[in-house]
Amino acid sequence: MSFSRRHFKWPVLGKSSSRGAGAASGDEGYVRGSETEDEDEGAMAFSSACPSFHSEDFVSPPKKPPPAQAPPAQEKQRRKKVRTAVARLRSALSAAVSGRRRQVGLGSRLTGTLYGHRRGHVHLSFQTDPRACPALLLELAAPTAALVREMASGLVRIALECERAKNPAAAPGGGRRLLEETVWRAYVNGKSCGYAVRRECGGADWRVLRALEPVSMGAGVIPAASCGGSEGDVMYMRARFERVVGSKDSEAFYMMNPDSSSSSGINGGPELSVYLLRV
């Protein structure tokens, strides 16, 4: 009916056409009524087609705020901490697997070892404990046989001297510690025996030190098969040493022999002494 009223003008039954004015007013009222009905139908159609403002379908869910991003400086610091933790974990695992612990500082009591092949040179090693990486490893030019003959006298003093740099700040490696010096002049009981060179602990040195781990002190010979060397047997002497620091340019290591004691029960003097001097 609304569609037909919109496009056609239907006559009013029971009304006479002679009443022109009344018909006109009736048509005007009819047109107004049809317009009102059209507005009502449009409103109803809009209200039925569109969801309500109070319905759940009309109100959209609130948007989640974007995740907060850390400032670039904090992000770099966090990544640096992660890398540091990973590096420390790797170093700890490698040390645990190899069983070798490199010591940063030295105490007052060390394990000292003299060893070398019968026809080779003497090696001098100082460790905080038998399983630790040597804090100081020197290779002397003195033959092992010559040092054995000197030790037969019962008292051996090894003096190692190095040059002090004239300008430590400008010299390469200036300001380093005494134990970090690389080249020394060596003297055994006052006799010059060439030079001593500081070196890193290699595979051959580790095989000897591994074989001597159960030995706390004493002297003997390690068969060539045990240390994996092709140069023959290895002679050694191991003992506990007391470290005495005189200054930044002088240190001494005294071997203490518990077997040599006086009548009062106090340990006697050292049988082997090693002096480090920077002159």
Protein backbone atom coordinates (compact mmCIF):
# COMPACT_ATOMS: atom_id res chain seq x y z
CA MET A 1 0.00 0.00 0.00
CA SER A 2 2.80 2.41 0.75
CA PHE A 3 4.31 1.75 -2.69
CA SER A 4 1.00 2.39 -4.47
CA ARG A 5 0.30 5.54 -2.47
CA ARG A 6 3.74 6.86 -3.33
CA HIS A 7 3.14 6.69 -7.12
CA PHE A 8 -0.63 6.92 -7.53
CA LYS A 9 -3.38 9.18 -6.20
CA TRP A 10 -6.31 7.07 -5.27
CA PRO A 11 -9.76 8.75 -5.13
CA VAL A 12 -11.50 8.93 -1.84
CA LEU A 13 -14.67 6.89 -1.90
CA GLY A 14 -17.84 8.67 -0.92
CA LYS A 15 -16.45 12.08 -1.77
CA SER A 16 -17.79 14.29 -4.52
CA SER A 17 -15.58 15.93 -7.03
CA SER A 18 -17.63 19.10 -6.78
CA ARG A 19 -15.91 19.98 -3.63
CA GLY A 20 -12.76 21.15 -5.30
CA ALA A 21 -11.45 23.09 -2.43
CA GLY A 22 -12.16 20.28 -0.05
CA ALA A 23 -10.59 17.82 -2.44
CA ALA A 24 -7.57 20.00 -2.76
CA SER A 25 -7.22 20.25 0.96
CA GLY A 26 -7.85 16.51 1.15
CA ASP A 27 -5.17 15.84 -1.42
CA GLU A 28 -2.79 18.05 0.47
CA GLY A 29 -3.53 16.19 3.66
CA TYR A 30 -3.27 12.96 1.80
CA VAL A 31 0.16 13.93 0.44
CA ARG A 32 1.35 15.02 3.85
CA GLY A 33 0.08 11.81 5.38
CA SER A 34 1.81 9.75 2.74
CA GLU A 35 5.06 11.67 3.32
CA THR A 36 4.75 11.06 7.06
CA GLU A 37 4.15 7.38 6.45
CA ASP A 38 7.15 7.30 4.10
CA GLU A 39 9.34 8.88 6.78
CA ASP A 40 8.08 6.41 9.36
CA GLU A 41 8.68 3.49 7.02
CA GLY A 42 12.17 4.79 6.21
CA ALA A 43 12.95 5.15 9.88
CA MET A 44 11.66 1.64 10.55
CA ALA A 45 13.64 0.27 7.63
CA PHE A 46 16.81 2.05 8.86
CA SER A 47 16.25 0.88 12.39
CA SER A 48 15.72 -2.71 11.24
CA ALA A 49 18.71 -2.73 8.88
CA CYS A 50 21.26 -1.06 11.16
CA PRO A 51 22.35 -2.58 14.45
CA SER A 52 21.50 -0.78 17.62
CA PHE A 53 24.03 1.57 19.23
CA HIS A 54 23.61 -0.37 22.44
CA SER A 55 23.89 -3.82 20.85
CA GLU A 56 27.01 -5.94 21.11
CA ASP A 57 27.34 -6.09 17.31
CA PHE A 58 27.61 -2.35 16.93
CA VAL A 59 30.23 -1.70 19.61
CA SER A 60 33.63 -2.92 18.37
CA PRO A 61 35.97 -4.57 20.91
CA PRO A 62 38.69 -2.31 22.28
CA LYS A 63 41.98 -2.51 20.46
CA LYS A 64 44.89 -4.00 22.34
CA PRO A 65 47.71 -1.53 22.94
CA PRO A 66 50.89 -2.31 20.98
CA PRO A 67 53.60 -4.03 23.01
CA ALA A 68 55.88 -1.61 24.69
CA GLN A 69 59.27 -1.50 23.07
CA ALA A 70 62.36 -0.92 25.17
CA PRO A 71 64.53 2.07 24.30
CA PRO A 72 67.53 1.31 22.06
CA ALA A 73 70.00 1.87 24.93
CA GLN A 74 68.25 -0.62 27.20
CA GLU A 75 67.97 -3.15 24.37
CA LYS A 76 71.71 -2.91 23.66
CA GLN A 77 72.49 -3.30 27.37
CA ARG A 78 70.25 -6.37 27.59
CA ARG A 79 71.92 -7.97 24.55
CA LYS A 80 75.34 -7.21 25.99
CA LYS A 81 74.42 -8.94 29.26
CA VAL A 82 73.18 -11.98 27.35
CA ARG A 83 76.41 -12.21 25.34
CA THR A 84 78.49 -11.85 28.52
CA ALA A 85 76.54 -14.60 30.27
CA VAL A 86 76.93 -16.91 27.27
CA ALA A 87 80.68 -16.24 27.08
CA ARG A 88 81.10 -16.99 30.80
CA LEU A 89 79.12 -20.19 30.46
CA ARG A 90 81.24 -21.34 27.52
CA SER A 91 84.49 -20.61 29.37
CA ALA A 92 83.25 -22.47 32.46
CA LEU A 93 82.21 -25.47 30.38
CA SER A 94 85.52 -25.57 28.51
CA ALA A 95 87.44 -25.38 31.78
CA ALA A 96 85.32 -28.15 33.27
CA VAL A 97 85.80 -30.39 30.23
CA SER A 98 89.55 -29.92 30.00
CA GLY A 99 90.04 -29.97 33.77
CA ARG A 100 92.53 -27.09 33.59
CA ARG A 101 91.95 -24.00 35.67
CA ARG A 102 94.03 -20.94 34.84
CA GLN A 103 94.84 -18.99 37.99
CA VAL A 104 94.67 -15.20 38.01
CA GLY A 105 96.69 -14.57 41.18
CA LEU A 106 99.37 -16.43 43.11
CA GLY A 107 99.41 -17.34 46.77
CA SER A 108 102.25 -17.82 49.19
CA ARG A 109 102.50 -21.61 48.67
CA LEU A 110 103.02 -23.11 45.22
CA THR A 111 103.88 -26.43 43.64
CA GLY A 112 107.20 -26.25 41.81
CA THR A 113 108.43 -28.80 39.30
CA LEU A 114 111.79 -29.18 37.59
CA TYR A 115 111.73 -31.59 34.67
CA GLY A 116 113.46 -32.31 31.39
CA HIS A 117 114.76 -35.06 29.14
CA ARG A 118 118.15 -36.52 29.99
CA ARG A 119 119.73 -34.88 26.95
CA GLY A 120 117.41 -31.89 26.82
CA HIS A 121 116.94 -28.61 28.64
CA VAL A 122 115.48 -27.96 32.07
CA HIS A 123 111.92 -26.73 32.49
CA LEU A 124 110.76 -24.93 35.62
CA SER A 125 107.03 -24.78 36.41
CA PHE A 126 105.12 -23.14 39.27
CA GLN A 127 101.46 -24.04 39.88
CA THR A 128 98.95 -23.12 42.55
CA ASP A 129 97.92 -26.81 42.61
CA PRO A 130 98.91 -29.84 40.51
CA ARG A 131 95.79 -29.57 38.30
CA ALA A 132 96.11 -25.84 37.57
CA CYS A 133 97.63 -24.28 34.51
CA PRO A 134 101.21 -23.14 35.30
CA ALA A 135 101.37 -19.56 36.44
CA LEU A 136 105.02 -19.48 35.36
CA LEU A 137 106.73 -21.87 32.96
CA LEU A 138 110.37 -21.28 32.04
CA GLU A 139 112.69 -23.18 29.75
CA LEU A 140 116.33 -22.85 30.80
CA ALA A 141 119.27 -23.30 28.47
CA ALA A 142 121.01 -25.39 31.13
CA PRO A 143 121.15 -29.14 30.30
CA THR A 144 119.26 -31.45 32.60
CA ALA A 145 122.38 -33.54 33.31
CA ALA A 146 124.31 -30.43 34.45
CA LEU A 147 121.55 -29.41 36.87
CA VAL A 148 121.44 -32.94 38.30
CA ARG A 149 125.16 -32.74 39.04
CA GLU A 150 124.71 -29.39 40.77
CA MET A 151 121.91 -30.79 42.90
CA ALA A 152 124.17 -33.55 44.11
CA SER A 153 125.90 -30.96 46.28
CA GLY A 154 122.68 -30.50 48.28
CA LEU A 155 122.18 -26.79 47.65
CA VAL A 156 121.08 -25.19 44.39
CA ARG A 157 120.38 -21.51 43.81
CA ILE A 158 118.92 -20.40 40.49
CA ALA A 159 119.01 -16.67 39.80
CA LEU A 160 117.05 -15.19 36.89
CA GLU A 161 117.63 -11.59 35.87
CA CYS A 162 115.81 -9.45 33.31
CA GLU A 163 116.37 -5.92 32.05
CA ARG A 164 114.22 -3.09 33.33
CA ALA A 165 112.90 -0.86 30.57
CA LYS A 166 114.29 2.68 30.63
CA ASN A 167 110.86 4.10 29.80
CA PRO A 168 108.28 1.51 30.93
CA ALA A 169 105.34 3.50 29.57
CA ALA A 170 106.80 3.73 26.04
CA ALA A 171 108.37 0.26 25.93
CA PRO A 172 106.30 -2.61 24.45
CA GLY A 173 104.62 -4.44 27.30
CA GLY A 174 105.73 -1.72 29.68
CA GLY A 175 104.38 -1.79 33.21
CA ARG A 176 103.92 -5.57 33.23
CA ARG A 177 104.45 -7.72 36.26
CA LEU A 178 107.69 -9.46 37.07
CA LEU A 179 106.32 -12.91 36.27
CA GLU A 180 105.23 -11.71 32.84
CA GLU A 181 108.78 -10.97 31.64
CA THR A 182 109.77 -13.15 28.70
CA VAL A 183 113.60 -13.34 28.63
CA TRP A 184 115.93 -13.85 31.59
CA ARG A 185 119.63 -14.34 32.18
CA ALA A 186 120.11 -17.57 34.14
CA TYR A 187 122.70 -18.39 36.80
CA VAL A 188 123.03 -21.67 38.68
CA ASN A 189 125.09 -21.42 41.87
CA GLY A 190 126.73 -18.29 40.54
CA LYS A 191 127.62 -19.78 37.14
CA SER A 192 126.12 -18.35 33.99
CA CYS A 193 124.13 -20.91 32.03
CA GLY A 194 122.69 -18.90 29.19
CA TYR A 195 119.14 -17.62 29.11
CA ALA A 196 115.71 -18.68 30.28
CA VAL A 197 112.58 -18.05 28.21
CA ARG A 198 109.03 -17.83 29.45
CA ARG A 199 106.67 -19.98 27.39
CA GLU A 200 103.10 -21.21 27.26
CA CYS A 201 102.21 -24.68 28.41
CA GLY A 202 102.10 -26.93 25.35
CA GLY A 203 100.92 -30.46 24.76
CA ALA A 204 104.24 -32.09 25.74
CA ASP A 205 104.36 -30.07 28.97
CA TRP A 206 100.79 -31.02 29.83
CA ARG A 207 101.55 -34.71 29.36
CA VAL A 208 104.40 -34.47 31.88
CA LEU A 209 102.36 -32.46 34.38
CA ARG A 210 99.43 -34.85 34.01
CA ALA A 211 101.68 -37.78 34.76
CA LEU A 212 102.95 -35.97 37.88
CA GLU A 213 99.53 -35.03 39.28
CA PRO A 214 99.51 -37.81 41.93
CA VAL A 215 103.02 -36.79 43.09
CA SER A 216 103.04 -34.19 45.86
CA MET A 217 106.83 -34.13 46.25
CA GLY A 218 109.82 -36.23 45.30
CA ALA A 219 112.16 -36.98 42.42
CA GLY A 220 112.30 -39.72 39.81
CA VAL A 221 112.05 -40.64 36.16
CA ILE A 222 108.98 -40.78 33.93
CA PRO A 223 109.20 -43.40 31.14
CA ALA A 224 108.95 -42.07 27.62
CA ALA A 225 105.80 -44.15 27.00
CA SER A 226 103.97 -42.45 29.90
CA CYS A 227 104.65 -38.89 28.72
CA GLY A 228 104.31 -39.66 25.01
CA GLY A 229 107.73 -38.29 24.11
CA SER A 230 110.12 -39.61 21.50
CA GLU A 231 113.21 -38.10 23.13
CA GLY A 232 113.45 -40.63 25.93
CA ASP A 233 112.71 -40.61 29.64
CA VAL A 234 111.93 -37.45 31.58
CA MET A 235 113.66 -36.65 34.87
CA TYR A 236 111.74 -34.62 37.41
CA MET A 237 111.79 -33.18 40.89
CA ARG A 238 108.66 -31.80 42.56
CA ALA A 239 108.19 -30.02 45.90
CA ARG A 240 106.26 -27.31 47.67
CA PHE A 241 107.67 -23.78 47.43
CA GLU A 242 107.14 -20.73 49.54
CA ARG A 243 106.80 -17.50 47.59
CA VAL A 244 108.24 -14.29 49.04
CA VAL A 245 107.68 -10.96 47.30
CA GLY A 246 110.37 -8.40 48.08
CA SER A 247 109.16 -5.68 45.71
CA LYS A 248 107.69 -5.31 42.24
CA ASP A 249 111.19 -6.09 40.88
CA SER A 250 112.14 -9.03 43.10
CA GLU A 251 110.54 -12.34 44.09
CA ALA A 252 111.92 -15.54 45.56
CA PHE A 253 110.71 -19.15 45.72
CA TYR A 254 112.09 -21.37 48.49
CA MET A 255 111.67 -25.11 48.41
CA MET A 256 110.77 -26.43 51.84
CA ASN A 257 111.89 -30.00 52.61
CA PRO A 258 110.01 -31.45 55.60
CA ASP A 259 112.52 -34.30 55.95
CA SER A 260 115.43 -32.01 56.80
CA SER A 261 114.72 -30.79 60.33
CA SER A 262 116.86 -29.67 63.18
CA SER A 263 116.86 -31.10 66.68
CA SER A 264 114.26 -28.53 67.78
CA GLY A 265 111.77 -29.84 65.20
CA ILE A 266 111.84 -26.73 63.04
CA ASN A 267 112.23 -27.24 59.30
CA GLY A 268 115.70 -26.59 58.00
CA GLY A 269 116.77 -24.32 55.17
CA PRO A 270 115.63 -24.79 51.58
CA GLU A 271 117.56 -27.10 49.28
CA LEU A 272 116.52 -25.22 46.17
CA SER A 273 115.97 -21.50 45.79
CA VAL A 274 114.80 -19.57 42.74
CA TYR A 275 115.27 -15.79 42.58
CA LEU A 276 113.64 -13.46 40.07
CA LEU A 277 115.23 -10.04 39.72
CA ARG A 278 114.61 -7.08 37.43
CA VAL A 279 117.79 -4.99 37.21
